[in-house]
Amino acid sequence: MAEQYSSFTPGGTRWFLQRVTAAFLVVVLAFHFFLLHFVNHAYEVTFLGTQARMENVGYLLTMVLFLITATFHGVNGVYNALVNQGLEGTQKKAVLAVLVVASVGLVAQGTYVALTMSGMI
């Protein structure tokens, strides 16, 4: 039987972060869909297609924070699922290393693209 990874043990740090990131993602997506569908949706769609949105530092920071949060939430969830399915020993360490490297690369690339689009680079 596979070990139960501590992230799903109530009270653990990763357990807490998994729930906080989920709540953050839901709130940001709900706010986005609210704006998109209920508050002058034509303006929102036009606004999403403009370069001006990236020049807003608040929008840029929110987007980068969303990227970091979504990456952590997804990688932690995948790792937990694999560990709970029986991943052990060196395989567990190798998968964790690959997930960490991939997520750091994803966040770095996403941040670079966001900064490039904003004109800060």
Protein backbone atom coordinates (compact mmCIF):
# COMPACT_ATOMS: atom_id res chain seq x y z
CA MET A 1 0.00 0.00 0.00
CA ALA A 2 1.25 3.47 -0.86
CA GLU A 3 2.19 5.90 1.85
CA GLN A 4 -0.18 8.76 2.44
CA TYR A 5 1.62 11.95 1.51
CA SER A 6 1.54 14.63 4.21
CA SER A 7 0.03 17.25 1.92
CA PHE A 8 -3.37 15.64 2.38
CA THR A 9 -2.95 15.40 6.15
CA PRO A 10 -5.05 18.19 7.65
CA GLY A 11 -2.86 20.81 9.26
CA GLY A 12 0.26 20.23 7.14
CA THR A 13 1.92 23.17 5.39
CA ARG A 14 1.38 21.83 1.88
CA TRP A 15 -2.19 20.86 2.75
CA PHE A 16 -2.80 24.46 3.82
CA LEU A 17 -1.08 25.96 0.77
CA GLN A 18 -3.03 23.67 -1.56
CA ARG A 19 -6.30 24.99 -0.14
CA VAL A 20 -5.15 28.64 -0.14
CA THR A 21 -4.02 28.43 -3.76
CA ALA A 22 -7.31 26.79 -4.75
CA ALA A 23 -9.28 29.57 -3.07
CA PHE A 24 -7.13 32.25 -4.74
CA LEU A 25 -7.55 30.68 -8.16
CA VAL A 26 -11.32 30.41 -7.73
CA VAL A 27 -11.61 34.05 -6.61
CA VAL A 28 -9.50 35.39 -9.49
CA LEU A 29 -11.33 33.28 -12.07
CA ALA A 30 -14.71 34.25 -10.61
CA PHE A 31 -13.76 37.92 -10.77
CA HIS A 32 -12.61 37.50 -14.37
CA PHE A 33 -15.80 35.71 -15.43
CA PHE A 34 -17.91 38.28 -13.60
CA LEU A 35 -16.22 41.07 -15.55
CA LEU A 36 -16.35 39.13 -18.79
CA HIS A 37 -20.02 38.17 -18.66
CA PHE A 38 -21.85 40.70 -16.51
CA VAL A 39 -20.01 44.03 -16.63
CA ASN A 40 -19.98 45.46 -20.12
CA HIS A 41 -18.51 42.34 -21.69
CA ALA A 42 -17.73 44.08 -24.99
CA TYR A 43 -15.29 46.39 -23.21
CA GLU A 44 -13.69 43.48 -21.34
CA VAL A 45 -13.13 41.47 -24.51
CA THR A 46 -11.68 44.51 -26.28
CA PHE A 47 -9.57 45.32 -23.23
CA LEU A 48 -8.16 41.79 -23.15
CA GLY A 49 -6.90 42.22 -26.69
CA THR A 50 -4.94 45.43 -26.09
CA GLN A 51 -1.35 46.08 -25.16
CA ALA A 52 -2.45 48.69 -22.61
CA ARG A 53 -3.55 46.08 -20.09
CA MET A 54 0.01 44.80 -19.70
CA GLU A 55 1.31 48.28 -18.93
CA ASN A 56 -0.79 48.32 -15.76
CA VAL A 57 1.55 47.16 -12.97
CA GLY A 58 -1.33 45.85 -10.85
CA TYR A 59 -2.57 43.68 -13.71
CA LEU A 60 0.96 42.47 -14.42
CA LEU A 61 1.57 41.52 -10.78
CA THR A 62 -1.80 39.78 -10.54
CA MET A 63 -1.06 37.79 -13.68
CA VAL A 64 2.39 36.71 -12.44
CA LEU A 65 0.97 35.83 -9.01
CA PHE A 66 -1.78 33.84 -10.72
CA LEU A 67 0.84 31.97 -12.77
CA ILE A 68 2.91 31.13 -9.69
CA THR A 69 -0.17 30.06 -7.72
CA ALA A 70 -1.60 27.92 -10.54
CA THR A 71 1.79 26.28 -11.10
CA PHE A 72 2.24 25.40 -7.43
CA HIS A 73 -1.32 24.15 -7.14
CA GLY A 74 -1.04 21.94 -10.22
CA VAL A 75 2.42 20.55 -9.48
CA ASN A 76 1.56 19.82 -5.85
CA GLY A 77 -1.65 18.09 -6.94
CA VAL A 78 0.13 15.93 -9.54
CA TYR A 79 2.86 15.00 -7.07
CA ASN A 80 0.30 14.07 -4.41
CA ALA A 81 -1.65 11.94 -6.87
CA LEU A 82 1.49 10.06 -7.96
CA VAL A 83 2.66 9.49 -4.39
CA ASN A 84 -0.78 8.26 -3.36
CA GLN A 85 -0.73 5.83 -6.30
CA GLY A 86 2.44 4.18 -4.99
CA LEU A 87 5.38 6.23 -6.23
CA GLU A 88 8.26 5.60 -3.81
CA GLY A 89 12.01 5.93 -3.30
CA THR A 90 14.19 7.21 -6.11
CA GLN A 91 11.25 7.43 -8.50
CA LYS A 92 9.54 9.82 -6.08
CA LYS A 93 12.67 12.01 -5.88
CA ALA A 94 13.14 11.96 -9.65
CA VAL A 95 9.52 12.92 -10.34
CA LEU A 96 9.71 15.71 -7.76
CA ALA A 97 12.91 17.03 -9.36
CA VAL A 98 11.35 16.99 -12.84
CA LEU A 99 8.20 18.74 -11.60
CA VAL A 100 10.20 21.42 -9.79
CA VAL A 101 12.45 22.09 -12.79
CA ALA A 102 9.45 22.19 -15.15
CA SER A 103 7.50 24.53 -12.87
CA VAL A 104 10.45 26.90 -12.38
CA GLY A 105 10.90 26.98 -16.17
CA LEU A 106 7.20 27.64 -16.69
CA VAL A 107 7.11 30.48 -14.16
CA ALA A 108 10.32 32.01 -15.55
CA GLN A 109 9.04 31.86 -19.13
CA GLY A 110 5.63 33.23 -18.17
CA THR A 111 7.16 36.07 -16.17
CA TYR A 112 9.52 36.90 -19.03
CA VAL A 113 6.63 37.01 -21.51
CA ALA A 114 4.55 39.17 -19.16
CA LEU A 115 7.43 41.60 -18.59
CA THR A 116 8.16 41.72 -22.32
CA MET A 117 4.54 42.46 -23.14
CA SER A 118 4.46 45.18 -20.50
CA GLY A 119 7.50 46.88 -21.97
CA MET A 120 9.51 46.50 -18.77
CA ILE A 121 12.14 44.42 -20.60
